[in-house]
Amino acid sequence: MAVAARCSLWHAALPDAARLARSAALAALAALEPRLSGESELSIVLADDALVRSLNQRWRGRDAPTNVLSFASGEAGAEGRPRLLGDVVLAYETVARES
C-alpha cells in the first residue's frame, strides 16, 4: 500500500497522517475481505482541495472539491502479483471542515 502526501497541511495537523491512513485502510480491507489485505494494492493520496477539485472536474464533471474521491482499478494482478484496487484521494480542507 502506498500513501503519498501531496499537501503539507496533513502533516502539519497530524504528523503521522500517512501512517494512520495506511493502518485504517489495512484494517478496513481486513474487515471487509481478509484475503484482500495481503493480496491487493491500494494507493492513498493525502491532497488538498485544489487537487481534488481538478480531479473532480476532470473525471466527474463537477467543478468543486469534495472530501474523498476513489478511482477503482478493477484490475486483477498478474500471476503472483497483488490485485490492483485503485486510488483514494482525500482533500485536507474539506475533510477538516467536515470533521
Protein backbone atom coordinates (compact mmCIF):
# COMPACT_ATOMS: atom_id res chain seq x y z
CA MET A 1 0.00 0.00 0.00
CA ALA A 2 1.32 3.40 -0.95
CA VAL A 3 0.45 6.65 0.80
CA ALA A 4 1.53 9.89 -0.83
CA ALA A 5 1.26 13.20 0.99
CA ARG A 6 0.72 15.85 -1.69
CA CYS A 7 -0.35 18.53 0.82
CA SER A 8 1.77 19.70 3.77
CA LEU A 9 -1.37 20.62 5.74
CA TRP A 10 -1.91 16.94 6.51
CA HIS A 11 1.50 16.62 8.16
CA ALA A 12 1.17 19.95 9.99
CA ALA A 13 -2.19 18.98 11.51
CA LEU A 14 -1.43 15.31 12.00
CA PRO A 15 2.28 14.40 11.75
CA ASP A 16 1.56 10.68 11.38
CA ALA A 17 -1.30 11.11 8.87
CA ALA A 18 0.31 8.79 6.32
CA ARG A 19 0.79 6.00 8.86
CA LEU A 20 -2.76 6.41 10.16
CA ALA A 21 -4.22 6.35 6.65
CA ARG A 22 -2.30 3.17 5.87
CA SER A 23 -3.38 1.50 9.13
CA ALA A 24 -7.03 2.47 8.61
CA ALA A 25 -7.04 1.18 5.05
CA LEU A 26 -5.43 -2.12 6.04
CA ALA A 27 -7.96 -2.55 8.86
CA ALA A 28 -10.86 -1.81 6.51
CA LEU A 29 -9.58 -4.29 3.93
CA ALA A 30 -9.08 -6.96 6.56
CA ALA A 31 -12.59 -6.43 7.93
CA LEU A 32 -14.26 -6.48 4.52
CA GLU A 33 -12.34 -9.25 2.90
CA PRO A 34 -9.48 -10.77 4.90
CA ARG A 35 -7.76 -12.27 1.88
CA LEU A 36 -7.53 -8.87 0.15
CA SER A 37 -5.25 -7.26 2.74
CA GLY A 38 -2.24 -9.34 1.73
CA GLU A 39 -3.14 -9.82 -1.92
CA SER A 40 -4.04 -6.33 -3.04
CA GLU A 41 -2.54 -2.94 -3.69
CA LEU A 42 -4.13 0.42 -2.93
CA SER A 43 -2.87 3.97 -3.34
CA ILE A 44 -3.91 6.74 -0.93
CA VAL A 45 -3.20 10.38 -1.73
CA LEU A 46 -3.38 12.97 1.05
CA ALA A 47 -4.17 16.02 -1.09
CA ASP A 48 -5.65 19.49 -0.84
CA ASP A 49 -8.90 20.95 -2.14
CA ALA A 50 -7.22 22.31 -5.28
CA LEU A 51 -6.01 18.89 -6.45
CA VAL A 52 -9.28 17.17 -5.58
CA ARG A 53 -11.25 19.92 -7.31
CA SER A 54 -9.23 19.44 -10.50
CA LEU A 55 -9.68 15.66 -10.38
CA ASN A 56 -13.39 16.04 -9.64
CA GLN A 57 -13.76 18.38 -12.64
CA ARG A 58 -11.80 16.11 -14.97
CA TRP A 59 -13.34 12.76 -14.02
CA ARG A 60 -16.81 13.67 -12.71
CA GLY A 61 -17.58 16.98 -14.42
CA ARG A 62 -18.05 18.73 -11.05
CA ASP A 63 -16.10 21.95 -10.53
CA ALA A 64 -15.83 21.72 -6.75
CA PRO A 65 -13.73 19.93 -4.17
CA THR A 66 -15.14 17.00 -2.25
CA ASN A 67 -13.89 15.13 0.80
CA VAL A 68 -12.81 11.97 -0.98
CA LEU A 69 -12.56 10.62 -4.48
CA SER A 70 -11.99 6.99 -5.28
CA PHE A 71 -10.84 5.52 -8.53
CA ALA A 72 -11.37 1.78 -8.72
CA SER A 73 -8.91 -0.12 -10.83
CA GLY A 74 -10.74 -3.41 -11.17
CA GLU A 75 -7.58 -4.99 -12.50
CA ALA A 76 -6.59 -8.41 -11.36
CA GLY A 77 -2.91 -8.64 -10.57
CA ALA A 78 -0.69 -10.54 -12.93
CA GLU A 79 0.28 -14.03 -11.84
CA GLY A 80 1.97 -13.79 -8.46
CA ARG A 81 1.27 -10.04 -8.20
CA PRO A 82 -1.24 -8.20 -6.00
CA ARG A 83 -4.68 -7.23 -7.25
CA LEU A 84 -4.80 -3.50 -8.03
CA LEU A 85 -7.72 -1.97 -6.13
CA GLY A 86 -7.22 1.64 -7.21
CA ASP A 87 -6.67 5.07 -5.70
CA VAL A 88 -8.29 7.04 -2.88
CA VAL A 89 -7.70 10.80 -2.76
CA LEU A 90 -8.56 12.84 0.35
CA ALA A 91 -8.88 16.66 0.36
CA TYR A 92 -7.47 18.15 3.55
CA GLU A 93 -9.52 21.36 3.77
CA THR A 94 -12.85 19.65 3.08
CA VAL A 95 -12.12 16.75 5.43
CA ALA A 96 -11.03 19.16 8.18
CA ARG A 97 -14.09 21.34 7.69
CA GLU A 98 -16.46 18.36 7.78
CA SER A 99 -14.87 16.84 10.83
